[in-house]
């Protein structure tokens, strides 16, 4: 019985460490120049476990298009998280995202190197 409780406490501690490490990752806010309708950001990934996080504030009814390209990475991917915490449709997950019916609020855009392909380091 004591071993079971000890294992559960260890698992909980490990989960808390993982959550705290993930939340400590830097998040970059995407800002538009005055009057601009697009913005470009650059970043670097350091392998398949590297993720870059971006935040974009969107008003209701705005069109949002996100696209990632790289000449150095073999499989750059994006994941868009809506203001309500839902992820983009997994069937659409890939290098681009487009929506006309946006919810107002902050969208998180995660850029990472997908697992299909050679592990890479490089700029996007």
PDB file of N, CA and C in Angstrom:
ATOM      1  N   UNK A   1       0.816  -1.185   0.000  1.00  0.00           N
ATOM      2  CA  UNK A   1       0.000   0.000   0.000  1.00  0.00           C
ATOM      3  C   UNK A   1       0.868   1.261   0.000  1.00  0.00           C
ATOM      4  N   UNK A   2       1.917   1.260   0.820  1.00  0.00           N
ATOM      5  CA  UNK A   2       2.789   2.424   0.890  1.00  0.00           C
ATOM      6  C   UNK A   2       3.523   2.655  -0.425  1.00  0.00           C
ATOM      7  N   UNK A   3       3.894   1.551  -1.096  1.00  0.00           N
ATOM      8  CA  UNK A   3       4.576   1.684  -2.386  1.00  0.00           C
ATOM      9  C   UNK A   3       3.650   2.324  -3.410  1.00  0.00           C
ATOM     10  N   UNK A   4       2.382   1.972  -3.376  1.00  0.00           N
ATOM     11  CA  UNK A   4       1.405   2.544  -4.305  1.00  0.00           C
ATOM     12  C   UNK A   4       1.264   4.045  -4.079  1.00  0.00           C
ATOM     13  N   UNK A   5       1.183   4.456  -2.846  1.00  0.00           N
ATOM     14  CA  UNK A   5       1.066   5.892  -2.531  1.00  0.00           C
ATOM     15  C   UNK A   5       2.338   6.618  -2.942  1.00  0.00           C
ATOM     16  N   UNK A   6       3.482   6.016  -2.682  1.00  0.00           N
ATOM     17  CA  UNK A   6       4.757   6.629  -3.065  1.00  0.00           C
ATOM     18  C   UNK A   6       4.849   6.784  -4.578  1.00  0.00           C
ATOM     19  N   UNK A   7       4.428   5.778  -5.323  1.00  0.00           N
ATOM     20  CA  UNK A   7       4.433   5.872  -6.790  1.00  0.00           C
ATOM     21  C   UNK A   7       3.504   6.961  -7.279  1.00  0.00           C
ATOM     22  N   UNK A   8       2.320   7.064  -6.684  1.00  0.00           N
ATOM     23  CA  UNK A   8       1.374   8.104  -7.074  1.00  0.00           C
ATOM     24  C   UNK A   8       1.937   9.489  -6.797  1.00  0.00           C
ATOM     25  N   UNK A   9       2.589   9.660  -5.645  1.00  0.00           N
ATOM     26  CA  UNK A   9       3.193  10.952  -5.324  1.00  0.00           C
ATOM     27  C   UNK A   9       4.327  11.292  -6.269  1.00  0.00           C
ATOM     28  N   UNK A  10       5.132  10.297  -6.629  1.00  0.00           N
ATOM     29  CA  UNK A  10       6.210  10.520  -7.598  1.00  0.00           C
ATOM     30  C   UNK A  10       5.646  10.905  -8.959  1.00  0.00           C
ATOM     31  N   UNK A  11       4.593  10.229  -9.383  1.00  0.00           N
ATOM     32  CA  UNK A  11       3.962  10.548 -10.672  1.00  0.00           C
ATOM     33  C   UNK A  11       3.392  11.950 -10.652  1.00  0.00           C
ATOM     34  N   UNK A  12       2.765  12.349  -9.543  1.00  0.00           N
ATOM     35  CA  UNK A  12       2.214  13.698  -9.421  1.00  0.00           C
ATOM     36  C   UNK A  12       3.316  14.738  -9.450  1.00  0.00           C
ATOM     37  N   UNK A  13       4.415  14.487  -8.747  1.00  0.00           N
ATOM     38  CA  UNK A  13       5.546  15.403  -8.732  1.00  0.00           C
ATOM     39  C   UNK A  13       6.129  15.550 -10.128  1.00  0.00           C
ATOM     40  N   UNK A  14       6.285  14.433 -10.849  1.00  0.00           N
ATOM     41  CA  UNK A  14       6.800  14.479 -12.213  1.00  0.00           C
ATOM     42  C   UNK A  14       5.868  15.278 -13.112  1.00  0.00           C
ATOM     43  N   UNK A  15       4.566  15.088 -12.963  1.00  0.00           N
ATOM     44  CA  UNK A  15       3.593  15.834 -13.751  1.00  0.00           C
ATOM     45  C   UNK A  15       3.707  17.329 -13.460  1.00  0.00           C
ATOM     46  N   UNK A  16       3.852  17.711 -12.215  1.00  0.00           N
ATOM     47  CA  UNK A  16       3.988  19.122 -11.860  1.00  0.00           C
ATOM     48  C   UNK A  16       5.256  19.724 -12.439  1.00  0.00           C
ATOM     49  N   UNK A  17       6.342  18.967 -12.443  1.00  0.00           N
ATOM     50  CA  UNK A  17       7.592  19.457 -13.029  1.00  0.00           C
ATOM     51  C   UNK A  17       7.421  19.666 -14.522  1.00  0.00           C
ATOM     52  N   UNK A  18       6.797  18.713 -15.213  1.00  0.00           N
ATOM     53  CA  UNK A  18       6.574  18.836 -16.657  1.00  0.00           C
ATOM     54  C   UNK A  18       5.684  20.033 -16.956  1.00  0.00           C
ATOM     55  N   UNK A  19       4.601  20.218 -16.216  1.00  0.00           N
ATOM     56  CA  UNK A  19       3.697  21.349 -16.434  1.00  0.00           C
ATOM     57  C   UNK A  19       4.414  22.667 -16.185  1.00  0.00           C
ATOM     58  N   UNK A  20       5.179  22.751 -15.109  1.00  0.00           N
ATOM     59  CA  UNK A  20       5.901  23.983 -14.816  1.00  0.00           C
ATOM     60  C   UNK A  20       6.958  24.278 -15.860  1.00  0.00           C
ATOM     61  N   UNK A  21       7.637  23.257 -16.367  1.00  0.00           N
ATOM     62  CA  UNK A  21       8.631  23.458 -17.409  1.00  0.00           C
ATOM     63  C   UNK A  21       7.975  23.949 -18.685  1.00  0.00           C
ATOM     64  N   UNK A  22       6.832  23.364 -19.045  1.00  0.00           N
ATOM     65  CA  UNK A  22       6.135  23.776 -20.266  1.00  0.00           C
ATOM     66  C   UNK A  22       5.629  25.200 -20.143  1.00  0.00           C
ATOM     67  N   UNK A  23       5.111  25.580 -18.990  1.00  0.00           N
ATOM     68  CA  UNK A  23       4.572  26.922 -18.843  1.00  0.00           C
ATOM     69  C   UNK A  23       5.675  27.955 -18.751  1.00  0.00           C
ATOM     70  N   UNK A  24       6.906  27.519 -18.411  1.00  0.00           N
ATOM     71  CA  UNK A  24       8.015  28.449 -18.306  1.00  0.00           C
ATOM     72  C   UNK A  24       8.604  28.784 -19.669  1.00  0.00           C
ATOM     73  N   UNK A  25       8.219  28.044 -20.716  1.00  0.00           N
ATOM     74  CA  UNK A  25       8.737  28.321 -22.048  1.00  0.00           C
ATOM     75  C   UNK A  25       8.319  29.726 -22.467  1.00  0.00           C
ATOM     76  N   UNK A  26       9.217  30.404 -23.162  1.00  0.00           N
ATOM     77  CA  UNK A  26       8.917  31.778 -23.542  1.00  0.00           C
ATOM     78  C   UNK A  26       7.846  31.823 -24.629  1.00  0.00           C
ATOM     79  N   UNK A  27       6.983  32.798 -24.491  1.00  0.00           N
ATOM     80  CA  UNK A  27       5.904  33.029 -25.444  1.00  0.00           C
ATOM     81  C   UNK A  27       6.125  34.409 -26.046  1.00  0.00           C
ATOM     82  N   UNK A  28       6.068  34.484 -27.364  1.00  0.00           N
ATOM     83  CA  UNK A  28       6.304  35.745 -28.061  1.00  0.00           C
ATOM     84  C   UNK A  28       4.989  36.263 -28.634  1.00  0.00           C
ATOM     85  N   UNK A  29       4.671  37.509 -28.360  1.00  0.00           N
ATOM     86  CA  UNK A  29       3.452  38.120 -28.891  1.00  0.00           C
ATOM     87  C   UNK A  29       3.726  38.627 -30.300  1.00  0.00           C
ATOM     88  N   UNK A  30       2.829  38.278 -31.221  1.00  0.00           N
ATOM     89  CA  UNK A  30       2.926  38.769 -32.598  1.00  0.00           C
ATOM     90  C   UNK A  30       2.227  40.116 -32.659  1.00  0.00           C
ATOM     91  N   UNK A  31       2.935  41.115 -33.119  1.00  0.00           N
ATOM     92  CA  UNK A  31       2.385  42.474 -33.237  1.00  0.00           C
ATOM     93  C   UNK A  31       2.454  42.910 -34.698  1.00  0.00           C
ATOM     94  N   UNK A  32       1.446  43.656 -35.102  1.00  0.00           N
ATOM     95  CA  UNK A  32       1.381  44.174 -36.459  1.00  0.00           C
ATOM     96  C   UNK A  32       1.837  45.624 -36.465  1.00  0.00           C
ATOM     97  N   UNK A  33       2.568  46.004 -37.512  1.00  0.00           N
ATOM     98  CA  UNK A  33       2.902  47.411 -37.700  1.00  0.00           C
ATOM     99  C   UNK A  33       1.608  48.176 -37.963  1.00  0.00           C
ATOM    100  N   UNK A  34       1.574  49.440 -37.616  1.00  0.00           N
ATOM    101  CA  UNK A  34       0.370  50.266 -37.799  1.00  0.00           C
ATOM    102  C   UNK A  34      -0.106  50.194 -39.251  1.00  0.00           C
ATOM    103  N   UNK A  35      -1.358  49.809 -39.461  1.00  0.00           N
ATOM    104  CA  UNK A  35      -1.960  49.718 -40.789  1.00  0.00           C
ATOM    105  C   UNK A  35      -1.648  48.437 -41.548  1.00  0.00           C
ATOM    106  N   UNK A  36      -0.805  47.572 -40.997  1.00  0.00           N
ATOM    107  CA  UNK A  36      -0.420  46.330 -41.687  1.00  0.00           C
ATOM    108  C   UNK A  36      -1.515  45.279 -41.553  1.00  0.00           C
ATOM    109  N   UNK A  37      -1.611  44.411 -42.541  1.00  0.00           N
ATOM    110  CA  UNK A  37      -2.576  43.304 -42.504  1.00  0.00           C
ATOM    111  C   UNK A  37      -1.865  41.958 -42.367  1.00  0.00           C
ATOM    112  N   UNK A  38      -0.540  41.982 -42.258  1.00  0.00           N
ATOM    113  CA  UNK A  38       0.207  40.736 -42.054  1.00  0.00           C
ATOM    114  C   UNK A  38       1.447  41.034 -41.210  1.00  0.00           C
ATOM    115  N   UNK A  39       1.959  39.989 -40.616  1.00  0.00           N
ATOM    116  CA  UNK A  39       3.189  40.080 -39.830  1.00  0.00           C
ATOM    117  C   UNK A  39       3.980  38.801 -40.049  1.00  0.00           C
ATOM    118  N   UNK A  40       5.290  38.913 -40.023  1.00  0.00           N
ATOM    119  CA  UNK A  40       6.171  37.765 -40.183  1.00  0.00           C
ATOM    120  C   UNK A  40       7.028  37.627 -38.935  1.00  0.00           C
ATOM    121  N   UNK A  41       7.148  36.401 -38.454  1.00  0.00           N
ATOM    122  CA  UNK A  41       8.029  36.125 -37.321  1.00  0.00           C
ATOM    123  C   UNK A  41       9.013  35.045 -37.736  1.00  0.00           C
ATOM    124  N   UNK A  42      10.178  35.054 -37.144  1.00  0.00           N
ATOM    125  CA  UNK A  42      11.194  34.061 -37.396  1.00  0.00           C
ATOM    126  C   UNK A  42      11.526  33.382 -36.089  1.00  0.00           C
ATOM    127  N   UNK A  43      11.992  32.180 -36.189  1.00  0.00           N
ATOM    128  CA  UNK A  43      12.418  31.450 -35.001  1.00  0.00           C
ATOM    129  C   UNK A  43      13.325  30.319 -35.381  1.00  0.00           C
ATOM    130  N   UNK A  44      13.849  29.653 -34.370  1.00  0.00           N
ATOM    131  CA  UNK A  44      14.738  28.515 -34.566  1.00  0.00           C
ATOM    132  C   UNK A  44      14.239  27.362 -33.714  1.00  0.00           C
ATOM    133  N   UNK A  45      14.252  26.172 -34.299  1.00  0.00           N
ATOM    134  CA  UNK A  45      13.929  24.954 -33.563  1.00  0.00           C
ATOM    135  C   UNK A  45      15.201  24.143 -33.410  1.00  0.00           C
ATOM    136  N   UNK A  46      15.320  23.477 -32.273  1.00  0.00           N
ATOM    137  CA  UNK A  46      16.529  22.725 -31.946  1.00  0.00           C
ATOM    138  C   UNK A  46      16.243  21.232 -31.830  1.00  0.00           C
ATOM    139  N   UNK A  47      15.521  20.683 -32.789  1.00  0.00           N
ATOM    140  CA  UNK A  47      15.198  19.260 -32.783  1.00  0.00           C
ATOM    141  C   UNK A  47      13.710  19.031 -32.624  1.00  0.00           C
ATOM    142  N   UNK A  48      13.326  17.762 -32.577  1.00  0.00           N
ATOM    143  CA  UNK A  48      11.912  17.413 -32.579  1.00  0.00           C
ATOM    144  C   UNK A  48      11.206  17.664 -31.257  1.00  0.00           C
ATOM    145  N   UNK A  49      11.907  18.004 -30.217  1.00  0.00           N
ATOM    146  CA  UNK A  49      11.258  18.303 -28.939  1.00  0.00           C
ATOM    147  C   UNK A  49      11.259  19.797 -28.656  1.00  0.00           C
ATOM    148  N   UNK A  50      11.682  20.590 -29.615  1.00  0.00           N
ATOM    149  CA  UNK A  50      11.723  22.038 -29.487  1.00  0.00           C
ATOM    150  C   UNK A  50      10.410  22.626 -30.000  1.00  0.00           C
ATOM    151  N   UNK A  51       9.856  23.573 -29.258  1.00  0.00           N
ATOM    152  CA  UNK A  51       8.607  24.238 -29.652  1.00  0.00           C
ATOM    153  C   UNK A  51       8.767  25.734 -29.427  1.00  0.00           C
ATOM    154  N   UNK A  52       8.302  26.517 -30.365  1.00  0.00           N
ATOM    155  CA  UNK A  52       8.260  27.976 -30.212  1.00  0.00           C
ATOM    156  C   UNK A  52       6.796  28.370 -30.071  1.00  0.00           C
ATOM    157  N   UNK A  53       6.505  29.195 -29.080  1.00  0.00           N
ATOM    158  CA  UNK A  53       5.131  29.601 -28.788  1.00  0.00           C
ATOM    159  C   UNK A  53       4.930  31.072 -29.140  1.00  0.00           C
ATOM    160  N   UNK A  54       3.816  31.348 -29.816  1.00  0.00           N
ATOM    161  CA  UNK A  54       3.458  32.713 -30.187  1.00  0.00           C
ATOM    162  C   UNK A  54       2.019  32.981 -29.758  1.00  0.00           C
ATOM    163  N   UNK A  55       1.714  34.216 -29.461  1.00  0.00           N
ATOM    164  CA  UNK A  55       0.356  34.639 -29.111  1.00  0.00           C
ATOM    165  C   UNK A  55      -0.060  35.718 -30.106  1.00  0.00           C
ATOM    166  N   UNK A  56      -1.282  35.586 -30.609  1.00  0.00           N
ATOM    167  CA  UNK A  56      -1.841  36.572 -31.537  1.00  0.00           C
ATOM    168  C   UNK A  56      -3.230  36.942 -31.058  1.00  0.00           C
ATOM    169  N   UNK A  57      -3.445  38.227 -30.812  1.00  0.00           N
ATOM    170  CA  UNK A  57      -4.770  38.683 -30.397  1.00  0.00           C
ATOM    171  C   UNK A  57      -5.608  38.959 -31.640  1.00  0.00           C
ATOM    172  N   UNK A  58      -6.821  38.398 -31.661  1.00  0.00           N
ATOM    173  CA  UNK A  58      -7.711  38.504 -32.820  1.00  0.00           C
ATOM    174  C   UNK A  58      -9.075  38.967 -32.346  1.00  0.00           C
ATOM    175  N   UNK A  59      -9.698  39.830 -33.136  1.00  0.00           N
ATOM    176  CA  UNK A  59     -11.075  40.254 -32.846  1.00  0.00           C
ATOM    177  C   UNK A  59     -12.045  39.337 -33.569  1.00  0.00           C
ATOM    178  N   UNK A  60     -13.258  39.241 -33.049  1.00  0.00           N
ATOM    179  CA  UNK A  60     -14.291  38.398 -33.661  1.00  0.00           C
ATOM    180  C   UNK A  60     -14.519  38.827 -35.111  1.00  0.00           C
ATOM    181  N   UNK A  61     -14.637  37.850 -35.997  1.00  0.00           N
ATOM    182  CA  UNK A  61     -14.927  38.125 -37.403  1.00  0.00           C
ATOM    183  C   UNK A  61     -13.705  38.383 -38.263  1.00  0.00           C
ATOM    184  N   UNK A  62     -12.534  38.498 -37.683  1.00  0.00           N
ATOM    185  CA  UNK A  62     -11.340  38.706 -38.489  1.00  0.00           C
ATOM    186  C   UNK A  62     -10.909  37.390 -39.132  1.00  0.00           C
ATOM    187  N   UNK A  63     -10.249  37.502 -40.293  1.00  0.00           N
ATOM    188  CA  UNK A  63      -9.697  36.339 -40.963  1.00  0.00           C
ATOM    189  C   UNK A  63      -8.275  36.138 -40.462  1.00  0.00           C
ATOM    190  N   UNK A  64      -7.943  34.918 -40.128  1.00  0.00           N
ATOM    191  CA  UNK A  64      -6.598  34.618 -39.666  1.00  0.00           C
ATOM    192  C   UNK A  64      -6.023  33.498 -40.511  1.00  0.00           C
ATOM    193  N   UNK A  65      -4.846  33.751 -41.082  1.00  0.00           N
ATOM    194  CA  UNK A  65      -4.113  32.750 -41.848  1.00  0.00           C
ATOM    195  C   UNK A  65      -2.734  32.620 -41.226  1.00  0.00           C
ATOM    196  N   UNK A  66      -2.331  31.392 -40.980  1.00  0.00           N
ATOM    197  CA  UNK A  66      -1.013  31.118 -40.415  1.00  0.00           C
ATOM    198  C   UNK A  66      -0.333  30.118 -41.340  1.00  0.00           C
ATOM    199  N   UNK A  67       0.934  30.375 -41.642  1.00  0.00           N
ATOM    200  CA  UNK A  67       1.679  29.503 -42.546  1.00  0.00           C
ATOM    201  C   UNK A  67       3.121  29.437 -42.055  1.00  0.00           C
ATOM    202  N   UNK A  68       3.712  28.253 -42.035  1.00  0.00           N
ATOM    203  CA  UNK A  68       5.111  28.097 -41.646  1.00  0.00           C
ATOM    204  C   UNK A  68       5.894  27.488 -42.797  1.00  0.00           C
ATOM    205  N   UNK A  69       7.070  28.045 -43.048  1.00  0.00           N
ATOM    206  CA  UNK A  69       7.966  27.508 -44.070  1.00  0.00           C
ATOM    207  C   UNK A  69       9.388  27.491 -43.517  1.00  0.00           C
ATOM    208  N   UNK A  70      10.182  26.601 -44.076  1.00  0.00           N
ATOM    209  CA  UNK A  70      11.580  26.516 -43.682  1.00  0.00           C
ATOM    210  C   UNK A  70      12.367  25.810 -44.772  1.00  0.00           C
ATOM    211  N   UNK A  71      13.571  26.286 -45.011  1.00  0.00           N
ATOM    212  CA  UNK A  71      14.469  25.577 -45.924  1.00  0.00           C
ATOM    213  C   UNK A  71      15.433  24.690 -45.148  1.00  0.00           C
ATOM    214  N   UNK A  72      15.451  24.819 -43.812  1.00  0.00           N
ATOM    215  CA  UNK A  72      16.387  24.058 -42.987  1.00  0.00           C
ATOM    216  C   UNK A  72      15.733  22.902 -42.241  1.00  0.00           C
ATOM    217  N   UNK A  73      14.429  22.969 -41.997  1.00  0.00           N
ATOM    218  CA  UNK A  73      13.720  21.913 -41.267  1.00  0.00           C
ATOM    219  C   UNK A  73      13.034  20.982 -42.260  1.00  0.00           C
ATOM    220  N   UNK A  74      12.960  19.686 -41.927  1.00  0.00           N
ATOM    221  CA  UNK A  74      12.346  18.740 -42.852  1.00  0.00           C
ATOM    222  C   UNK A  74      10.827  18.685 -42.715  1.00  0.00           C
ATOM    223  N   UNK A  75      10.283  19.010 -41.529  1.00  0.00           N
ATOM    224  CA  UNK A  75       8.843  18.862 -41.323  1.00  0.00           C
ATOM    225  C   UNK A  75       8.307  19.885 -40.306  1.00  0.00           C
ATOM    226  N   UNK A  76       8.429  21.196 -40.599  1.00  0.00           N
ATOM    227  CA  UNK A  76       7.896  22.182 -39.650  1.00  0.00           C
ATOM    228  C   UNK A  76       6.377  22.095 -39.601  1.00  0.00           C
ATOM    229  N   UNK A  77       5.821  22.183 -38.405  1.00  0.00           N
ATOM    230  CA  UNK A  77       4.374  22.052 -38.200  1.00  0.00           C
ATOM    231  C   UNK A  77       3.878  23.181 -37.303  1.00  0.00           C
ATOM    232  N   UNK A  78       2.557  23.444 -37.379  1.00  0.00           N
ATOM    233  CA  UNK A  78       1.940  24.403 -36.465  1.00  0.00           C
ATOM    234  C   UNK A  78       0.756  23.746 -35.769  1.00  0.00           C
ATOM    235  N   UNK A  79       0.475  24.237 -34.605  1.00  0.00           N
ATOM    236  CA  UNK A  79      -0.732  23.868 -33.867  1.00  0.00           C
ATOM    237  C   UNK A  79      -1.315  25.179 -33.365  1.00  0.00           C
ATOM    238  N   UNK A  80      -2.585  25.428 -33.657  1.00  0.00           N
ATOM    239  CA  UNK A  80      -3.257  26.661 -33.231  1.00  0.00           C
ATOM    240  C   UNK A  80      -4.224  26.303 -32.109  1.00  0.00           C
ATOM    241  N   UNK A  81      -4.108  27.026 -31.001  1.00  0.00           N
ATOM    242  CA  UNK A  81      -4.983  26.810 -29.855  1.00  0.00           C
ATOM    243  C   UNK A  81      -5.891  28.021 -29.732  1.00  0.00           C
ATOM    244  N   UNK A  82      -7.196  27.774 -29.812  1.00  0.00           N
ATOM    245  CA  UNK A  82      -8.202  28.831 -29.754  1.00  0.00           C
ATOM    246  C   UNK A  82      -8.240  29.467 -28.360  1.00  0.00           C
ATOM    247  N   UNK A  83      -8.831  30.659 -28.238  1.00  0.00           N
ATOM    248  CA  UNK A  83      -8.933  31.312 -26.924  1.00  0.00           C
ATOM    249  C   UNK A  83      -9.642  30.466 -25.871  1.00  0.00           C
ATOM    250  N   UNK A  84     -10.546  29.583 -26.303  1.00  0.00           N
ATOM    251  CA  UNK A  84     -11.257  28.737 -25.338  1.00  0.00           C
ATOM    252  C   UNK A  84     -10.457  27.477 -24.977  1.00  0.00           C
ATOM    253  N   UNK A  85      -9.246  27.331 -25.508  1.00  0.00           N
ATOM    254  CA  UNK A  85      -8.387  26.203 -25.176  1.00  0.00           C
ATOM    255  C   UNK A  85      -8.446  25.042 -26.147  1.00  0.00           C
ATOM    256  N   UNK A  86      -9.391  25.061 -27.091  1.00  0.00           N
ATOM    257  CA  UNK A  86      -9.482  23.979 -28.073  1.00  0.00           C
ATOM    258  C   UNK A  86      -8.362  24.101 -29.099  1.00  0.00           C
ATOM    259  N   UNK A  87      -7.898  22.946 -29.576  1.00  0.00           N
ATOM    260  CA  UNK A  87      -6.874  22.917 -30.616  1.00  0.00           C
ATOM    261  C   UNK A  87      -7.542  22.913 -31.980  1.00  0.00           C
ATOM    262  N   UNK A  88      -6.800  23.367 -32.985  1.00  0.00           N
ATOM    263  CA  UNK A  88      -7.304  23.316 -34.354  1.00  0.00           C
ATOM    264  C   UNK A  88      -7.614  21.872 -34.708  1.00  0.00           C
ATOM    265  N   UNK A  89      -8.434  21.678 -35.709  1.00  0.00           N
ATOM    266  CA  UNK A  89      -8.806  20.343 -36.175  1.00  0.00           C
ATOM    267  C   UNK A  89      -7.532  19.562 -36.502  1.00  0.00           C
ATOM    268  N   UNK A  90      -7.341  18.420 -35.882  1.00  0.00           N
ATOM    269  CA  UNK A  90      -6.123  17.633 -36.073  1.00  0.00           C
ATOM    270  C   UNK A  90      -5.940  17.188 -37.526  1.00  0.00           C
ATOM    271  N   UNK A  91      -7.015  17.061 -38.283  1.00  0.00           N
ATOM    272  CA  UNK A  91      -6.881  16.696 -39.687  1.00  0.00           C
ATOM    273  C   UNK A  91      -6.251  17.832 -40.487  1.00  0.00           C
ATOM    274  N   UNK A  92      -6.393  19.062 -39.976  1.00  0.00           N
ATOM    275  CA  UNK A  92      -5.841  20.215 -40.679  1.00  0.00           C
ATOM    276  C   UNK A  92      -4.426  20.542 -40.211  1.00  0.00           C
ATOM    277  N   UNK A  93      -3.975  19.881 -39.161  1.00  0.00           N
ATOM    278  CA  UNK A  93      -2.669  20.192 -38.607  1.00  0.00           C
ATOM    279  C   UNK A  93      -1.611  19.990 -39.670  1.00  0.00           C
ATOM    280  N   UNK A  94      -0.723  20.905 -39.767  1.00  0.00           N
ATOM    281  CA  UNK A  94       0.321  20.839 -40.775  1.00  0.00           C
ATOM    282  C   UNK A  94       1.062  22.147 -40.839  1.00  0.00           C
ATOM    283  N   UNK A  95       1.245  22.645 -42.048  1.00  0.00           N
ATOM    284  CA  UNK A  95       2.033  23.856 -42.223  1.00  0.00           C
ATOM    285  C   UNK A  95       1.178  25.111 -42.364  1.00  0.00           C
ATOM    286  N   UNK A  96      -0.149  24.967 -42.418  1.00  0.00           N
ATOM    287  CA  UNK A  96      -0.983  26.162 -42.562  1.00  0.00           C
ATOM    288  C   UNK A  96      -2.316  26.024 -41.843  1.00  0.00           C
ATOM    289  N   UNK A  97      -2.902  27.180 -41.540  1.00  0.00           N
ATOM    290  CA  UNK A  97      -4.180  27.255 -40.844  1.00  0.00           C
ATOM    291  C   UNK A  97      -4.887  28.492 -41.363  1.00  0.00           C
ATOM    292  N   UNK A  98      -6.193  28.382 -41.617  1.00  0.00           N
ATOM    293  CA  UNK A  98      -6.967  29.505 -42.143  1.00  0.00           C
ATOM    294  C   UNK A  98      -8.368  29.436 -41.568  1.00  0.00           C
ATOM    295  N   UNK A  99      -8.861  30.558 -41.041  1.00  0.00           N
ATOM    296  CA  UNK A  99     -10.226  30.594 -40.526  1.00  0.00           C
ATOM    297  C   UNK A  99     -10.828  31.977 -40.717  1.00  0.00           C
ATOM    298  N   UNK A 100     -12.108  32.006 -41.043  1.00  0.00           N
ATOM    299  CA  UNK A 100     -12.855  33.264 -41.147  1.00  0.00           C
ATOM    300  C   UNK A 100     -13.725  33.495 -39.916  1.00  0.00           C
ATOM    301  N   UNK A 101     -14.074  32.466 -39.216  1.00  0.00           N
ATOM    302  CA  UNK A 101     -14.995  32.590 -38.086  1.00  0.00           C
ATOM    303  C   UNK A 101     -14.222  32.510 -36.774  1.00  0.00           C
ATOM    304  N   UNK A 102     -13.404  33.514 -36.540  1.00  0.00           N
ATOM    305  CA  UNK A 102     -12.556  33.481 -35.359  1.00  0.00           C
ATOM    306  C   UNK A 102     -13.305  33.903 -34.110  1.00  0.00           C
ATOM    307  N   UNK A 103     -12.910  33.337 -33.002  1.00  0.00           N
ATOM    308  CA  UNK A 103     -13.372  33.785 -31.697  1.00  0.00           C
ATOM    309  C   UNK A 103     -12.480  34.958 -31.306  1.00  0.00           C
ATOM    310  N   UNK A 104     -13.028  35.919 -30.608  1.00  0.00           N
ATOM    311  CA  UNK A 104     -12.218  37.024 -30.121  1.00  0.00           C
ATOM    312  C   UNK A 104     -11.320  36.524 -29.003  1.00  0.00           C
ATOM    313  N   UNK A 105     -10.101  37.002 -28.966  1.00  0.00           N
ATOM    314  CA  UNK A 105      -9.198  36.650 -27.879  1.00  0.00           C
ATOM    315  C   UNK A 105      -7.809  36.314 -28.371  1.00  0.00           C
ATOM    316  N   UNK A 106      -7.023  35.755 -27.476  1.00  0.00           N
ATOM    317  CA  UNK A 106      -5.643  35.387 -27.772  1.00  0.00           C
ATOM    318  C   UNK A 106      -5.569  33.956 -28.295  1.00  0.00           C
ATOM    319  N   UNK A 107      -4.991  33.801 -29.473  1.00  0.00           N
ATOM    320  CA  UNK A 107      -4.727  32.497 -30.066  1.00  0.00           C
ATOM    321  C   UNK A 107      -3.264  32.168 -29.817  1.00  0.00           C
ATOM    322  N   UNK A 108      -2.971  30.927 -29.417  1.00  0.00           N
ATOM    323  CA  UNK A 108      -1.581  30.500 -29.275  1.00  0.00           C
ATOM    324  C   UNK A 108      -1.223  29.689 -30.502  1.00  0.00           C
ATOM    325  N   UNK A 109      -0.094  30.005 -31.076  1.00  0.00           N
ATOM    326  CA  UNK A 109       0.407  29.300 -32.254  1.00  0.00           C
ATOM    327  C   UNK A 109       1.714  28.635 -31.850  1.00  0.00           C
ATOM    328  N   UNK A 110       1.742  27.312 -31.893  1.00  0.00           N
ATOM    329  CA  UNK A 110       2.948  26.561 -31.568  1.00  0.00           C
ATOM    330  C   UNK A 110       3.586  26.085 -32.860  1.00  0.00           C
ATOM    331  N   UNK A 111       4.870  26.316 -33.004  1.00  0.00           N
ATOM    332  CA  UNK A 111       5.630  25.848 -34.161  1.00  0.00           C
ATOM    333  C   UNK A 111       6.607  24.800 -33.656  1.00  0.00           C
ATOM    334  N   UNK A 112       6.641  23.664 -34.337  1.00  0.00           N
ATOM    335  CA  UNK A 112       7.496  22.565 -33.902  1.00  0.00           C
ATOM    336  C   UNK A 112       7.907  21.727 -35.105  1.00  0.00           C
ATOM    337  N   UNK A 113       8.903  20.881 -34.902  1.00  0.00           N
ATOM    338  CA  UNK A 113       9.358  19.961 -35.940  1.00  0.00           C
ATOM    339  C   UNK A 113       8.578  18.664 -35.792  1.00  0.00           C
ATOM    340  N   UNK A 114       7.804  18.293 -36.813  1.00  0.00           N
ATOM    341  CA  UNK A 114       6.999  17.086 -36.767  1.00  0.00           C
ATOM    342  C   UNK A 114       7.860  15.828 -36.678  1.00  0.00           C
ATOM    343  N   UNK A 115       7.257  14.758 -36.201  1.00  0.00           N
ATOM    344  CA  UNK A 115       7.990  13.500 -36.015  1.00  0.00           C
ATOM    345  C   UNK A 115       8.208  12.725 -37.306  1.00  0.00           C
ATOM    346  N   UNK A 116       7.462  13.065 -38.367  1.00  0.00           N
ATOM    347  CA  UNK A 116       7.656  12.389 -39.646  1.00  0.00           C
ATOM    348  C   UNK A 116       8.755  13.129 -40.400  1.00  0.00           C
ATOM    349  N   UNK A 117       9.854  12.518 -40.554  1.00  0.00           N
ATOM    350  CA  UNK A 117      10.996  13.153 -41.215  1.00  0.00           C
ATOM    351  C   UNK A 117      12.211  13.110 -40.324  1.00  0.00           C
ATOM    352  N   UNK A 118      13.304  13.564 -40.845  1.00  0.00           N
ATOM    353  CA  UNK A 118      14.549  13.569 -40.099  1.00  0.00           C
ATOM    354  C   UNK A 118      14.507  14.655 -39.031  1.00  0.00           C
ATOM    355  N   UNK A 119      15.020  14.329 -37.834  1.00  0.00           N
ATOM    356  CA  UNK A 119      15.091  15.362 -36.805  1.00  0.00           C
ATOM    357  C   UNK A 119      15.954  16.506 -37.317  1.00  0.00           C
ATOM    358  N   UNK A 120      15.487  17.704 -37.124  1.00  0.00           N
ATOM    359  CA  UNK A 120      16.231  18.826 -37.656  1.00  0.00           C
ATOM    360  C   UNK A 120      16.409  19.957 -36.681  1.00  0.00           C
ATOM    361  N   UNK A 121      17.383  20.748 -36.970  1.00  0.00           N
ATOM    362  CA  UNK A 121      17.625  22.009 -36.293  1.00  0.00           C
ATOM    363  C   UNK A 121      17.600  23.056 -37.376  1.00  0.00           C
ATOM    364  N   UNK A 122      16.961  24.160 -37.115  1.00  0.00           N
ATOM    365  CA  UNK A 122      17.001  25.185 -38.134  1.00  0.00           C
ATOM    366  C   UNK A 122      15.984  26.279 -37.910  1.00  0.00           C
ATOM    367  N   UNK A 123      16.036  27.226 -38.815  1.00  0.00           N
ATOM    368  CA  UNK A 123      15.192  28.413 -38.766  1.00  0.00           C
ATOM    369  C   UNK A 123      13.910  28.193 -39.554  1.00  0.00           C
ATOM    370  N   UNK A 124      12.859  28.887 -39.138  1.00  0.00           N
ATOM    371  CA  UNK A 124      11.607  28.882 -39.897  1.00  0.00           C
ATOM    372  C   UNK A 124      11.159  30.307 -40.053  1.00  0.00           C
TER     373      UNK A 124
END
